[in-house]
C-alpha atoms as a PDB file:
ATOM      1  CA  MET A   1     -66.935  72.042  56.768  1.00  0.00           C
ATOM      2  CA  SER A   2     -63.491  70.887  55.962  1.00  0.00           C
ATOM      3  CA  LYS A   3     -61.408  72.618  53.405  1.00  0.00           C
ATOM      4  CA  THR A   4     -59.625  70.679  50.735  1.00  0.00           C
ATOM      5  CA  TYR A   5     -56.151  71.719  49.877  1.00  0.00           C
ATOM      6  CA  SER A   6     -54.508  70.851  46.567  1.00  0.00           C
ATOM      7  CA  ASN A   7     -50.934  69.680  46.681  1.00  0.00           C
ATOM      8  CA  LYS A   8     -49.011  70.945  43.749  1.00  0.00           C
ATOM      9  CA  VAL A   9     -46.456  68.566  42.299  1.00  0.00           C
ATOM     10  CA  TYR A  10     -43.561  70.353  40.613  1.00  0.00           C
ATOM     11  CA  ASN A  11     -41.751  68.651  37.746  1.00  0.00           C
ATOM     12  CA  PRO A  12     -38.233  70.104  37.994  1.00  0.00           C
ATOM     13  CA  ILE A  13     -37.477  69.612  34.285  1.00  0.00           C
ATOM     14  CA  THR A  14     -40.422  71.804  33.215  1.00  0.00           C
ATOM     15  CA  LEU A  15     -39.886  74.528  35.831  1.00  0.00           C
ATOM     16  CA  LYS A  16     -38.648  77.921  34.687  1.00  0.00           C
ATOM     17  CA  SER A  17     -35.229  78.955  35.952  1.00  0.00           C
ATOM     18  CA  SER A  18     -36.667  81.897  37.874  1.00  0.00           C
ATOM     19  CA  ASN A  19     -39.008  79.587  39.793  1.00  0.00           C
ATOM     20  CA  ILE A  20     -36.148  77.166  40.476  1.00  0.00           C
ATOM     21  CA  GLU A  21     -34.105  79.963  42.082  1.00  0.00           C
ATOM     22  CA  LYS A  22     -37.051  80.796  44.357  1.00  0.00           C
ATOM     23  CA  LEU A  23     -37.521  77.157  45.342  1.00  0.00           C
ATOM     24  CA  LYS A  24     -33.779  76.556  45.787  1.00  0.00           C
ATOM     25  CA  ALA A  25     -33.798  78.310  49.129  1.00  0.00           C
ATOM     26  CA  TYR A  26     -36.519  76.046  50.453  1.00  0.00           C
ATOM     27  CA  PHE A  27     -35.818  72.699  48.754  1.00  0.00           C
ATOM     28  CA  ASN A  28     -32.217  71.742  49.352  1.00  0.00           C
ATOM     29  CA  THR A  29     -32.124  67.951  48.905  1.00  0.00           C
ATOM     30  CA  TYR A  30     -32.486  66.022  45.673  1.00  0.00           C
ATOM     31  CA  LYS A  31     -33.801  62.506  45.564  1.00  0.00           C
ATOM     32  CA  ILE A  32     -33.277  60.866  42.194  1.00  0.00           C
ATOM     33  CA  THR A  33     -34.864  57.432  41.593  1.00  0.00           C
ATOM     34  CA  LEU A  34     -33.884  55.320  38.646  1.00  0.00           C
ATOM     35  CA  GLU A  35     -36.107  52.369  37.584  1.00  0.00           C
ATOM     36  CA  SER A  36     -35.475  49.792  34.873  1.00  0.00           C
ATOM     37  CA  ASN A  37     -36.250  46.235  33.839  1.00  0.00           C
ATOM     38  CA  ASP A  38     -32.625  45.661  32.857  1.00  0.00           C
ATOM     39  CA  PRO A  39     -30.158  45.770  35.757  1.00  0.00           C
ATOM     40  CA  ARG A  40     -27.132  46.386  33.448  1.00  0.00           C
ATOM     41  CA  MET A  41     -28.796  49.443  31.880  1.00  0.00           C
ATOM     42  CA  LEU A  42     -29.702  50.711  35.367  1.00  0.00           C
ATOM     43  CA  LYS A  43     -26.140  50.280  36.569  1.00  0.00           C
ATOM     44  CA  SER A  44     -24.610  52.121  33.611  1.00  0.00           C
ATOM     45  CA  ALA A  45     -27.140  54.983  33.915  1.00  0.00           C
ATOM     46  CA  GLY A  46     -26.459  55.110  37.655  1.00  0.00           C
ATOM     47  CA  THR A  47     -22.697  55.312  37.243  1.00  0.00           C
ATOM     48  CA  LYS A  48     -23.026  58.176  34.732  1.00  0.00           C
ATOM     49  CA  LEU A  49     -25.392  60.048  37.029  1.00  0.00           C
ATOM     50  CA  TYR A  50     -23.167  59.388  40.078  1.00  0.00           C
ATOM     51  CA  SER A  51     -20.017  60.586  38.261  1.00  0.00           C
ATOM     52  CA  TYR A  52     -21.742  63.716  37.020  1.00  0.00           C
ATOM     53  CA  ILE A  53     -23.063  64.614  40.476  1.00  0.00           C
ATOM     54  CA  GLU A  54     -19.634  63.940  42.091  1.00  0.00           C
ATOM     55  CA  ASN A  55     -17.988  66.300  39.588  1.00  0.00           C
ATOM     56  CA  VAL A  56     -20.546  69.117  39.980  1.00  0.00           C
ATOM     57  CA  SER A  57     -21.504  68.851  43.647  1.00  0.00           C
ATOM     58  CA  GLU A  58     -19.195  69.251  46.631  1.00  0.00           C
ATOM     59  CA  ASN A  59     -21.497  67.261  48.934  1.00  0.00           C
ATOM     60  CA  LYS A  60     -21.454  63.508  49.252  1.00  0.00           C
ATOM     61  CA  VAL A  61     -23.839  61.467  47.125  1.00  0.00           C
ATOM     62  CA  SER A  62     -25.487  58.445  48.689  1.00  0.00           C
ATOM     63  CA  SER A  63     -26.721  55.638  46.472  1.00  0.00           C
ATOM     64  CA  ILE A  64     -29.123  53.052  47.775  1.00  0.00           C
ATOM     65  CA  ALA A  65     -30.247  49.937  45.896  1.00  0.00           C
ATOM     66  CA  LEU A  66     -33.941  49.660  46.594  1.00  0.00           C
ATOM     67  CA  PRO A  67     -35.747  46.298  46.782  1.00  0.00           C
ATOM     68  CA  THR A  68     -36.706  44.635  43.523  1.00  0.00           C
ATOM     69  CA  ASP A  69     -40.403  44.994  42.845  1.00  0.00           C
ATOM     70  CA  ASN A  70     -42.961  43.358  40.574  1.00  0.00           C
ATOM     71  CA  ILE A  71     -41.230  40.012  40.129  1.00  0.00           C
ATOM     72  CA  LYS A  72     -43.459  38.023  37.818  1.00  0.00           C
ATOM     73  CA  ILE A  73     -42.739  34.487  36.619  1.00  0.00           C
ATOM     74  CA  TYR A  74     -44.309  33.183  33.434  1.00  0.00           C
ATOM     75  CA  SER A  75     -44.255  29.490  32.464  1.00  0.00           C
ATOM     76  CA  PRO A  76     -45.334  29.005  28.850  1.00  0.00           C
ATOM     77  CA  PHE A  77     -45.589  25.551  27.316  1.00  0.00           C
ATOM     78  CA  LYS A  78     -42.984  24.603  24.726  1.00  0.00           C
ATOM     79  CA  SER A  79     -45.340  22.127  23.129  1.00  0.00           C
ATOM     80  CA  PRO A  80     -48.902  22.120  24.376  1.00  0.00           C
ATOM     81  CA  HIS A  81     -49.831  18.698  23.024  1.00  0.00           C
ATOM     82  CA  VAL A  82     -47.031  16.242  23.695  1.00  0.00           C
ATOM     83  CA  ASN A  83     -44.629  17.302  26.441  1.00  0.00           C
ATOM     84  CA  LYS A  84     -46.763  19.095  28.954  1.00  0.00           C
ATOM     85  CA  LYS A  85     -44.084  19.071  31.653  1.00  0.00           C
ATOM     86  CA  SER A  86     -41.568  20.739  29.406  1.00  0.00           C
ATOM     87  CA  ARG A  87     -41.911  24.424  30.248  1.00  0.00           C
ATOM     88  CA  GLU A  88     -39.760  27.505  30.129  1.00  0.00           C
ATOM     89  CA  GLN A  89     -39.757  30.046  32.926  1.00  0.00           C
ATOM     90  CA  LEU A  90     -39.455  33.692  32.074  1.00  0.00           C
ATOM     91  CA  THR A  91     -39.232  36.403  34.728  1.00  0.00           C
ATOM     92  CA  THR A  92     -39.717  40.141  34.702  1.00  0.00           C
ATOM     93  CA  ALA A  93     -38.648  42.444  37.524  1.00  0.00           C
ATOM     94  CA  VAL A  94     -38.353  46.149  38.224  1.00  0.00           C
ATOM     95  CA  TYR A  95     -34.949  47.203  39.633  1.00  0.00           C
ATOM     96  CA  ARG A  96     -34.585  50.558  41.416  1.00  0.00           C
ATOM     97  CA  ASN A  97     -31.763  52.757  42.723  1.00  0.00           C
ATOM     98  CA  LEU A  98     -32.063  55.893  44.831  1.00  0.00           C
ATOM     99  CA  TYR A  99     -29.475  58.724  44.815  1.00  0.00           C
ATOM    100  CA  THR A 100     -29.713  61.515  47.434  1.00  0.00           C
ATOM    101  CA  PHE A 101     -27.565  64.576  47.837  1.00  0.00           C
ATOM    102  CA  LYS A 102     -27.667  68.176  49.077  1.00  0.00           C
ATOM    103  CA  SER A 103     -28.004  70.800  46.412  1.00  0.00           C
ATOM    104  CA  ASP A 104     -25.276  73.339  46.055  1.00  0.00           C
ATOM    105  CA  PHE A 105     -25.460  73.834  42.327  1.00  0.00           C
ATOM    106  CA  THR A 106     -24.694  77.235  41.012  1.00  0.00           C
ATOM    107  CA  ASN A 107     -26.211  76.327  37.649  1.00  0.00           C
ATOM    108  CA  ASN A 108     -29.429  74.413  38.142  1.00  0.00           C
ATOM    109  CA  LYS A 109     -30.349  74.676  34.445  1.00  0.00           C
ATOM    110  CA  ALA A 110     -27.270  72.711  33.433  1.00  0.00           C
ATOM    111  CA  PHE A 111     -28.048  70.054  36.041  1.00  0.00           C
ATOM    112  CA  PHE A 112     -31.578  69.554  34.763  1.00  0.00           C
ATOM    113  CA  LYS A 113     -30.366  69.596  31.182  1.00  0.00           C
ATOM    114  CA  ALA A 114     -27.946  66.761  32.086  1.00  0.00           C
ATOM    115  CA  ILE A 115     -30.765  64.808  33.714  1.00  0.00           C
ATOM    116  CA  HIS A 116     -32.888  65.314  30.597  1.00  0.00           C
ATOM    117  CA  MET A 117     -30.020  64.135  28.345  1.00  0.00           C
ATOM    118  CA  LEU A 118     -29.572  61.074  30.582  1.00  0.00           C
ATOM    119  CA  ASP A 119     -33.287  60.366  30.238  1.00  0.00           C
ATOM    120  CA  GLU A 120     -32.988  60.512  26.457  1.00  0.00           C
ATOM    121  CA  LEU A 121     -29.812  58.399  26.384  1.00  0.00           C
ATOM    122  CA  TYR A 122     -31.232  55.515  28.389  1.00  0.00           C
ATOM    123  CA  VAL A 123     -34.688  54.788  26.993  1.00  0.00           C
ATOM    124  CA  ASN A 124     -35.479  51.842  29.335  1.00  0.00           C
ATOM    125  CA  VAL A 125     -34.562  53.775  32.480  1.00  0.00           C
ATOM    126  CA  THR A 126     -37.236  55.867  34.210  1.00  0.00           C
ATOM    127  CA  ILE A 127     -35.827  58.909  36.059  1.00  0.00           C
ATOM    128  CA  THR A 128     -37.806  60.572  38.875  1.00  0.00           C
ATOM    129  CA  VAL A 129     -36.421  63.733  40.501  1.00  0.00           C
ATOM    130  CA  LYS A 130     -37.883  64.911  43.839  1.00  0.00           C
ATOM    131  CA  LEU A 131     -36.950  68.035  45.754  1.00  0.00           C
ATOM    132  CA  GLN A 132     -37.128  67.822  49.516  1.00  0.00           C
ATOM    133  CA  HIS A 133     -36.748  70.312  52.322  1.00  0.00           C
ATOM    134  CA  THR A 134     -34.333  69.306  55.072  1.00  0.00           C
ATOM    135  CA  LYS A 135     -33.112  71.375  57.983  1.00  0.00           C
END
């Protein structure tokens, strides 16, 4: 019989500081993904995050613009009876940026508090923080 293993997913914002210190030795790379429908809002949130990380961390931060997903085009009629060929096209898209950097924070609690404040400041931007182990 095969055993099933459950993978635990840790949400860094809800972790206790004592657990973060234990995990800090193993997980040493942060991957922060920002997602938004508005590219201007995404850019302003990204610049704030980038400047904060540059001030706090000594390591280099790499930012990558990920491909745009979920591009949907809607074509509603302006007037359904008379001018059928007269249509407007509306588009929706999901824009994403990825920020990666090595962790050398002395105060992880302040870092996660800043991430949480950034999440509250930009309502339309979804922030995902992942910890990764690299050699």
